[in-house]
C-alpha cells in the first residue's frame, strides 16, 4: 500500500492566489473593454445607417432638381451621358 506523504492543504499559496487574481482581473478588464467597443460599434453602425439614408434622400433631390444624381463629389460637376448634352 502507498502512503501519500504530501499533507492536505485547504488553500493555495499566496503566490498562486496573486497570479490567479491577476489573470482573472485581466480577463475581466478585457471583457469590459470589449463590451465598450461593441457599444461604440453599435453607435457607429447606427450613424452610418443614418448617413446612408441622407445620401439616398440627397440623390432623390438631385434627380428631381437636376435630372440625375450622378455628381462628381470633388467639384460638383453633373455627369451627364453624351446623349443628354
Protein backbone atom coordinates (compact mmCIF):
# COMPACT_ATOMS: atom_id res chain seq x y z
CA UNK A 1 0.00 0.00 0.00
CA UNK A 2 1.29 3.50 -0.94
CA UNK A 3 1.30 6.29 1.58
CA UNK A 4 0.77 9.86 0.41
CA UNK A 5 3.38 11.97 2.17
CA UNK A 6 2.01 15.30 0.94
CA UNK A 7 -0.14 16.97 3.55
CA UNK A 8 -3.64 18.00 2.52
CA UNK A 9 -3.99 21.80 2.27
CA UNK A 10 -7.06 24.00 2.43
CA UNK A 11 -5.71 26.99 0.48
CA UNK A 12 -3.42 27.66 -2.44
CA UNK A 13 -0.20 29.54 -1.84
CA UNK A 14 -0.26 33.35 -1.68
CA UNK A 15 1.85 33.49 -4.85
CA UNK A 16 -0.59 31.28 -6.77
CA UNK A 17 -3.51 33.29 -5.43
CA UNK A 18 -1.94 36.58 -6.60
CA UNK A 19 -1.24 35.10 -10.04
CA UNK A 20 -4.79 33.76 -10.32
CA UNK A 21 -6.32 37.06 -9.21
CA UNK A 22 -4.16 38.95 -11.69
CA UNK A 23 -5.26 36.70 -14.57
CA UNK A 24 -8.94 36.94 -13.59
CA UNK A 25 -8.66 40.74 -13.34
CA UNK A 26 -7.02 40.87 -16.78
CA UNK A 27 -9.79 38.75 -18.33
CA UNK A 28 -12.50 40.86 -16.65
CA UNK A 29 -10.87 44.07 -17.84
CA UNK A 30 -10.62 42.81 -21.43
CA UNK A 31 -14.25 41.66 -21.39
CA UNK A 32 -15.33 45.08 -20.10
CA UNK A 33 -13.33 46.86 -22.82
CA UNK A 34 -14.79 44.57 -25.49
CA UNK A 35 -18.25 45.49 -24.23
CA UNK A 36 -17.40 49.18 -24.53
CA UNK A 37 -16.13 48.66 -28.07
CA UNK A 38 -19.28 46.78 -29.04
CA UNK A 39 -21.35 49.70 -27.74
CA UNK A 40 -19.29 52.13 -29.81
CA UNK A 41 -19.59 49.83 -32.83
CA UNK A 42 -23.38 49.80 -32.43
CA UNK A 43 -23.46 53.60 -32.31
CA UNK A 44 -21.20 53.91 -35.35
CA UNK A 45 -23.33 51.47 -37.33
CA UNK A 46 -26.44 53.47 -36.41
CA UNK A 47 -24.76 56.72 -37.52
CA UNK A 48 -23.62 55.03 -40.73
CA UNK A 49 -27.18 53.95 -41.49
CA UNK A 50 -28.46 57.49 -40.91
CA UNK A 51 -25.76 58.95 -43.17
CA UNK A 52 -26.54 56.44 -45.92
CA UNK A 53 -30.24 57.39 -45.66
CA UNK A 54 -29.29 61.08 -46.01
CA UNK A 55 -27.30 60.26 -49.16
CA UNK A 56 -30.30 58.44 -50.65
CA UNK A 57 -32.52 61.42 -49.81
CA UNK A 58 -29.99 63.75 -51.43
CA UNK A 59 -29.85 61.55 -54.53
CA UNK A 60 -33.63 61.80 -54.81
CA UNK A 61 -33.39 65.60 -54.51
CA UNK A 62 -30.69 65.76 -57.20
CA UNK A 63 -32.69 63.51 -59.51
CA UNK A 64 -35.71 65.83 -59.21
CA UNK A 65 -33.73 69.06 -59.46
CA UNK A 66 -31.01 68.13 -61.97
CA UNK A 67 -32.42 65.04 -63.68
CA UNK A 68 -29.64 62.83 -62.32
CA UNK A 69 -27.83 62.07 -59.11
CA UNK A 70 -24.55 61.26 -60.88
CA UNK A 71 -22.48 64.07 -59.38
CA UNK A 72 -18.71 64.46 -59.13
CA UNK A 73 -18.20 64.72 -55.37
CA UNK A 74 -14.93 66.63 -55.76
CA UNK A 75 -16.12 69.60 -57.80
CA UNK A 76 -19.92 69.25 -58.06
CA UNK A 77 -19.94 68.64 -61.82
CA UNK A 78 -23.05 66.86 -63.06
CA UNK A 79 -22.01 63.79 -65.03
CA UNK A 80 -24.40 63.53 -67.96
CA UNK A 81 -24.49 60.97 -70.76
CA UNK A 82 -23.32 62.25 -74.13
CA UNK A 83 -26.92 61.86 -75.35
CA UNK A 84 -28.12 64.31 -72.71
CA UNK A 85 -25.65 67.12 -73.56
